[in-house]
């Protein structure tokens, strides 16, 4: 029963389409929070101001989120295929 629920959940993630999946899971849910976290802790270790580290991280991590979102998409597709073959 759990694998059927998991399959439905994964299929809903894929149904949103690749661009939306990358935007939601990569940029919004990974890139932006990571950028804010990085900007918050960097001043403690480097002495760089919060705004300076934010100006760097707010574009670097969301761009990295595009790749994270693509990886997440491919992983989800593989998981669906594995569950379908069970």
Protein backbone atom coordinates (compact mmCIF):
# COMPACT_ATOMS: atom_id res chain seq x y z
CA UNK A 1 0.00 0.00 0.00
CA UNK A 2 2.80 2.42 0.83
CA UNK A 3 4.44 2.01 -2.57
CA UNK A 4 1.16 2.94 -4.30
CA UNK A 5 0.90 6.12 -2.22
CA UNK A 6 4.55 6.90 -2.90
CA UNK A 7 4.02 6.33 -6.62
CA UNK A 8 1.04 8.71 -6.64
CA UNK A 9 3.06 11.35 -4.78
CA UNK A 10 5.97 11.06 -7.20
CA UNK A 11 3.66 11.18 -10.21
CA UNK A 12 2.10 14.42 -8.92
CA UNK A 13 5.60 15.90 -8.74
CA UNK A 14 6.24 14.91 -12.36
CA UNK A 15 2.83 16.10 -13.57
CA UNK A 16 3.76 19.70 -12.73
CA UNK A 17 6.25 19.62 -15.61
CA UNK A 18 10.00 20.09 -15.74
CA UNK A 19 10.18 23.93 -15.70
CA UNK A 20 7.79 24.27 -12.77
CA UNK A 21 9.50 21.41 -10.91
CA UNK A 22 12.88 23.12 -11.30
CA UNK A 23 11.44 26.47 -10.20
CA UNK A 24 9.61 25.11 -7.15
CA UNK A 25 11.95 22.40 -5.88
CA UNK A 26 15.26 23.79 -7.12
CA UNK A 27 15.09 27.57 -7.00
CA UNK A 28 12.37 28.34 -4.43
CA UNK A 29 12.72 25.44 -1.98
CA UNK A 30 16.50 24.92 -2.22
CA UNK A 31 18.25 27.91 -3.80
CA UNK A 32 16.67 30.82 -1.93
CA UNK A 33 16.71 29.28 1.57
CA UNK A 34 20.30 28.15 1.06
CA UNK A 35 21.26 31.65 -0.10
CA UNK A 36 19.68 33.22 2.99
CA UNK A 37 21.32 30.69 5.30
CA UNK A 38 24.70 31.26 3.67
CA UNK A 39 24.31 35.04 3.91
CA UNK A 40 23.33 34.74 7.59
CA UNK A 41 26.32 32.63 8.68
CA UNK A 42 29.05 34.05 6.43
CA UNK A 43 29.58 37.24 8.50
CA UNK A 44 30.44 35.13 11.56
CA UNK A 45 33.25 33.32 9.76
CA UNK A 46 34.62 35.86 7.29
CA UNK A 47 33.82 39.28 8.69
CA UNK A 48 32.06 40.11 5.43
CA UNK A 49 28.82 42.08 5.84
CA UNK A 50 25.45 40.39 5.55
CA UNK A 51 24.50 42.51 2.53
CA UNK A 52 27.74 41.69 0.71
CA UNK A 53 27.30 37.97 1.23
CA UNK A 54 23.60 38.23 0.34
CA UNK A 55 24.37 40.04 -2.91
CA UNK A 56 26.62 37.13 -3.87
CA UNK A 57 24.50 34.25 -2.61
CA UNK A 58 21.11 35.48 -3.83
CA UNK A 59 22.08 34.77 -7.44
CA UNK A 60 24.61 31.93 -7.05
CA UNK A 61 22.47 29.52 -5.04
CA UNK A 62 19.27 29.90 -7.11
CA UNK A 63 21.33 29.22 -10.25
CA UNK A 64 22.66 26.13 -8.47
CA UNK A 65 19.04 25.35 -7.63
CA UNK A 66 18.33 24.95 -11.33
CA UNK A 67 20.77 22.05 -11.40
CA UNK A 68 19.43 20.70 -8.11
CA UNK A 69 15.88 20.83 -9.51
CA UNK A 70 16.97 19.01 -12.66
CA UNK A 71 18.70 16.33 -10.59
CA UNK A 72 15.57 16.03 -8.43
CA UNK A 73 13.42 15.63 -11.57
CA UNK A 74 15.63 12.86 -12.94
CA UNK A 75 15.75 11.10 -9.59
CA UNK A 76 11.97 11.25 -9.27
CA UNK A 77 11.56 9.78 -12.78
CA UNK A 78 13.91 6.92 -11.86
CA UNK A 79 12.01 6.25 -8.64
CA UNK A 80 8.72 6.08 -10.57
CA UNK A 81 10.19 3.55 -13.00
CA UNK A 82 11.52 1.44 -10.13
CA UNK A 83 8.13 1.44 -8.37
CA UNK A 84 6.31 0.54 -11.59
CA UNK A 85 8.53 -2.51 -12.13
CA UNK A 86 7.85 -3.89 -8.64
